[in-house]
């Protein structure tokens, strides 16, 4: 085995844990290009958005965002891409069973040699927290009304 093939073998082997990390992470992980087009999503991301891998790519996934959240999120998304900056946002989607799912989206830009290549991000289900906050707010509003 040559030094080059030994290095290639080690590199290939070391990539396996990273691939598994992305696939089995308890968060939806995604990658996008410098224009904001999604180029990769893991299965957890697809499950959260209820989209298959083909539907998730490009900008088609944006239509999954509930109409009440879409306009504001699009402004934030486009600004983060334009400014090559991080994004931290909360959105909602309507699931197949007609319930609301609340998601937290966080992205970071990717730069190599000061060149913006795109971004990496993760999505987390925050439905339980959001519903608890909404219930608490309703209780507070009711208490103040009495």
Protein backbone atom coordinates (compact mmCIF):
# COMPACT_ATOMS: atom_id res chain seq x y z
CA UNK A 1 0.00 0.00 0.00
CA UNK A 2 1.42 3.38 -0.96
CA UNK A 3 1.43 6.39 1.33
CA UNK A 4 -1.21 8.02 -0.88
CA UNK A 5 -3.58 5.05 -0.87
CA UNK A 6 -3.06 4.63 2.90
CA UNK A 7 -4.04 8.30 3.41
CA UNK A 8 -7.05 7.91 1.09
CA UNK A 9 -8.15 4.82 3.02
CA UNK A 10 -7.85 6.66 6.35
CA UNK A 11 -9.72 9.66 4.96
CA UNK A 12 -12.49 7.43 3.60
CA UNK A 13 -12.77 5.61 6.92
CA UNK A 14 -12.83 8.86 8.90
CA UNK A 15 -15.69 10.17 6.74
CA UNK A 16 -18.00 7.34 7.83
CA UNK A 17 -18.58 8.72 11.35
CA UNK A 18 -19.36 12.18 9.93
CA UNK A 19 -21.89 10.72 7.52
CA UNK A 20 -23.47 8.77 10.38
CA UNK A 21 -23.44 11.89 12.55
CA UNK A 22 -25.45 13.77 9.96
CA UNK A 23 -27.88 10.93 9.26
CA UNK A 24 -28.54 9.94 12.87
CA UNK A 25 -28.41 13.34 14.55
CA UNK A 26 -31.53 14.12 16.62
CA UNK A 27 -31.96 17.32 14.62
CA UNK A 28 -32.83 18.09 11.05
CA UNK A 29 -29.59 19.01 9.31
CA UNK A 30 -29.38 20.78 5.97
CA UNK A 31 -26.96 22.50 3.62
CA UNK A 32 -27.61 25.29 1.17
CA UNK A 33 -25.65 27.03 -1.54
CA UNK A 34 -24.70 30.70 -1.71
CA UNK A 35 -28.04 31.53 -3.36
CA UNK A 36 -30.12 30.02 -0.57
CA UNK A 37 -31.03 26.86 -2.47
CA UNK A 38 -31.14 23.73 -0.30
CA UNK A 39 -28.70 21.09 -1.58
CA UNK A 40 -28.92 18.47 1.19
CA UNK A 41 -31.27 17.45 3.99
CA UNK A 42 -31.03 14.49 6.34
CA UNK A 43 -33.96 12.15 7.04
CA UNK A 44 -34.84 13.85 10.32
CA UNK A 45 -35.17 17.21 8.50
CA UNK A 46 -37.43 15.56 5.91
CA UNK A 47 -39.52 14.00 8.67
CA UNK A 48 -40.00 17.34 10.44
CA UNK A 49 -41.12 19.05 7.24
CA UNK A 50 -43.01 15.98 5.94
CA UNK A 51 -41.18 16.24 2.60
CA UNK A 52 -39.21 13.67 0.64
CA UNK A 53 -35.62 14.27 -0.43
CA UNK A 54 -36.65 15.62 -3.84
CA UNK A 55 -39.26 18.03 -2.44
CA UNK A 56 -36.74 19.31 0.11
CA UNK A 57 -34.20 20.51 -2.44
CA UNK A 58 -34.00 23.95 -4.02
CA UNK A 59 -36.60 26.32 -2.61
CA UNK A 60 -39.67 24.06 -2.82
CA UNK A 61 -39.46 23.42 0.92
CA UNK A 62 -40.45 27.03 1.60
CA UNK A 63 -44.03 26.25 0.55
CA UNK A 64 -44.27 23.90 3.56
CA UNK A 65 -44.04 26.91 5.89
CA UNK A 66 -47.43 28.02 7.19
CA UNK A 67 -48.70 31.12 5.38
CA UNK A 68 -48.78 33.14 8.63
CA UNK A 69 -45.01 32.66 9.02
CA UNK A 70 -43.79 32.46 5.42
CA UNK A 71 -43.46 36.15 4.49
CA UNK A 72 -41.50 37.14 7.60
CA UNK A 73 -39.28 34.07 7.36
CA UNK A 74 -38.54 34.72 3.67
CA UNK A 75 -37.37 38.25 4.53
CA UNK A 76 -35.08 36.89 7.24
CA UNK A 77 -33.82 34.10 4.95
CA UNK A 78 -33.05 36.44 2.06
CA UNK A 79 -31.35 38.94 4.36
CA UNK A 80 -29.13 36.23 5.89
CA UNK A 81 -28.11 35.03 2.41
CA UNK A 82 -27.50 38.57 1.15
CA UNK A 83 -25.45 39.51 4.22
CA UNK A 84 -23.78 36.08 4.35
CA UNK A 85 -24.77 35.86 7.99
CA UNK A 86 -26.36 33.47 10.48
CA UNK A 87 -30.11 33.00 10.74
CA UNK A 88 -32.10 32.19 13.88
CA UNK A 89 -35.83 31.94 13.34
CA UNK A 90 -39.00 30.13 14.39
CA UNK A 91 -41.63 28.97 11.94
CA UNK A 92 -44.70 26.76 11.82
CA UNK A 93 -45.87 24.18 9.34
CA UNK A 94 -49.23 22.48 9.04
CA UNK A 95 -48.77 18.71 9.21
CA UNK A 96 -50.63 16.08 7.21
CA UNK A 97 -53.02 15.55 10.14
CA UNK A 98 -53.80 19.30 10.12
CA UNK A 99 -51.96 20.18 13.33
CA UNK A 100 -49.35 22.87 13.70
CA UNK A 101 -45.70 21.93 14.16
CA UNK A 102 -43.38 24.68 15.38
CA UNK A 103 -39.75 24.57 14.30
CA UNK A 104 -36.59 26.45 15.24
CA UNK A 105 -34.19 27.04 12.33
CA UNK A 106 -30.56 28.03 12.89
CA UNK A 107 -27.94 28.46 10.17
CA UNK A 108 -24.31 29.48 9.97
CA UNK A 109 -22.50 30.67 6.85
CA UNK A 110 -19.68 28.61 5.35
CA UNK A 111 -16.57 30.48 4.26
CA UNK A 112 -13.41 29.02 2.78
CA UNK A 113 -10.55 31.44 2.17
CA UNK A 114 -13.00 34.31 2.78
CA UNK A 115 -15.28 33.08 -0.02
CA UNK A 116 -18.94 32.54 0.92
CA UNK A 117 -19.93 29.04 -0.22
CA UNK A 118 -23.32 28.71 1.41
CA UNK A 119 -24.55 27.65 4.81
CA UNK A 120 -25.20 24.73 7.10
CA UNK A 121 -28.16 24.59 9.41
CA UNK A 122 -30.30 22.58 11.73
CA UNK A 123 -33.99 22.44 12.51
CA UNK A 124 -35.45 21.46 15.87
CA UNK A 125 -39.05 20.69 16.80
CA UNK A 126 -40.15 23.23 19.43
CA UNK A 127 -43.87 22.42 19.31
CA UNK A 128 -44.20 21.41 22.97
CA UNK A 129 -42.44 24.54 24.18
CA UNK A 130 -44.42 26.83 21.87
CA UNK A 131 -47.78 25.33 22.86
CA UNK A 132 -46.86 25.66 26.55
CA UNK A 133 -45.97 29.33 26.01
CA UNK A 134 -49.27 29.91 24.18
CA UNK A 135 -51.25 28.23 26.98
CA UNK A 136 -49.44 30.28 29.61
CA UNK A 137 -50.19 33.48 27.70
CA UNK A 138 -53.89 32.55 27.43
CA UNK A 139 -53.99 31.84 31.18
CA UNK A 140 -52.34 35.17 31.95
CA UNK A 141 -54.75 37.00 29.64
CA UNK A 142 -57.71 35.29 31.30
CA UNK A 143 -56.42 36.10 34.80
CA UNK A 144 -56.00 39.77 33.87
CA UNK A 145 -59.50 39.88 32.39
CA UNK A 146 -61.00 38.66 35.66
